[in-house]
């Protein structure tokens, strides 16, 4: 009994016997005793004992300070899963205890031990080749409501092309999502089609890597399918449009889409709901020059965890993602021209008594430099050919870089990067810090234009605020390199919205080298009472009932009651509470749907408009 291996095997045998007995117990359908047992064991087991066993069974390659080791419930639960071997495909030590309990024990976790019976559970995805990273992403995508319409865009009218598109990733994903969200498949186990499995190697992969490969492949197919369906702009492009004009001012940094582009966009074109745009500003601290905003598309926002902190929240990580970053010793063309102008001016002053023939060349260079500065022409070709700037005159300075959200997506995917590189050993390890996230997310504070300059300038007295028009409801842009373009979570936001609602959560249990992915997602299943009413009602009765306000309220309440959270560990599916989902600190990916796309000025909210 002094050997840790014997203790672990004994615990495994007891777990197996208890788990098998629960399946024949009436408590299986009501109280989830397995979940209570797991929570009790994790709570009572000292963290020091678990870490001691882990160090004995898996000697670390480098010493880790005890103060940095988390002692939270989530950390202890994941560590116990690792010690029992439940994060390994073969089940580890538990897998060798008994073949009867192998399958059961490989699905144990701190969230739930038993599968609750019932026909309202959504379909799970089978796993016989270590594909939990795929299953979790596919279930997460199935929770996004705008995605099926986008995948429908891959369909084409041509018969031969349509036959080919049905074999593509977009069409295959569309069919799988339709099966996963269909109530007809409740309680069933589905299998991922081979087309979606072929996007990865036989080695276990990161779930976010699979997500990126899948979205890239789908994007290519949708572009190919819709490429021939865009009508070229004809004479209709010259006709006046009734389209709503851009709410941005002419000098806001945005350019409106041309009339010709709008005419061509009348064809069947659907934007990827997961795609948004980020705006990046790089500006010189010394001269203030910036080339403007460079826009880049994204289908996932990756947030990095800081080392040394064992708990974070999503707002803090978004602040870190959008914070100002200083870059030292970067060449600045405007600073170079200003330096060259100063040197040439000093040179001409000293040569004032020289003949005009000797002053002609420096004067021509000075005129070229002044013209470039006046026209904001800082192109490299201008500096070399027109201004004759040499390498010795080049000037370096500190620049700031900031990336913010320019166009929010309809569905937001967030990736929490838990990989940390150890410079001493060259190894990667997993950051186990807990991350808290909200059910409803207001992305407005991190969107371009949210910075309330009056609040920022009160802290950073960079300009004379009294001379500036800082009216809250007027569109203004922050140009100062030392000031943020957004409010973030630190300052009052100028805008509110868009608003997002949580649809799915992907967690990872285990270590960096191995582990298990689990998806928590919402499944909108109608209750039996609502289903019977909808099946038996005629169109005339439906029209009459919906005219009644009370019926509308009751219908809305029944739909809310049928919208449940489910824990999906491959083919094993159980219902969980929303509190349980929000308590999952080991989050790896988050999926949100936009429920209100409007961005409202804070002054409008205060006035009640």
Foldseek 3Di string as FASTA:
>chain_A
DPDVLVVLLVVLVVVQVVLVVLVPDPCLAPPQVVLVVLLVVLVPDFPVVLVVLCCVVPPDPDDDDPVQQDRDSLSSQLSVCVSQQLQDPCRPSSNPNDVSRSVQSNPDGNFGRHFHDDLLAFFFEADDQQCQLVRQVLVLVLLADVQLVLLVLLAADDPVSNVVSCLFLSVLSSVVSCRRQDSVQGPHYHYRDPNLVVQDDSDDDHSVVSVVSSVVRSVVSSCVRCVVFFDFQDPCLVDDDPDDDDPDDPPPQDDDDHSRVVNRVVTDDDDRLLKFKKWKWKAFQPPLDTPGTDIDIDNEAEFEDDRPAQEAEPLVRLCVQFDKDKDFFAWDLLVLLVQLLVVLVVVCVVCVVPDPVVVVVSVQLNVLSVVCVVVVPSDPCSCCPRNVRDPVSTDTGMMIMGMFTATHGQKYKYFYDQWDADPVPRDIKGRNRFYFYDQKDWRQQRYFQFDQVVFVCVVVVPDDVVVDDRPLPDGDADSNRVDGRGRRPPHHTQKTDQMKGWAKFWFWRDMPVTTFIKMKGKHQDADPVVVVVVVPDDPVRVVVQVVDPVSVVVVVVRRVVRTFIWIHRRRRIHTDHPVSVSPRRRTGMTMIGGPHGDMGGPVCVVVVD
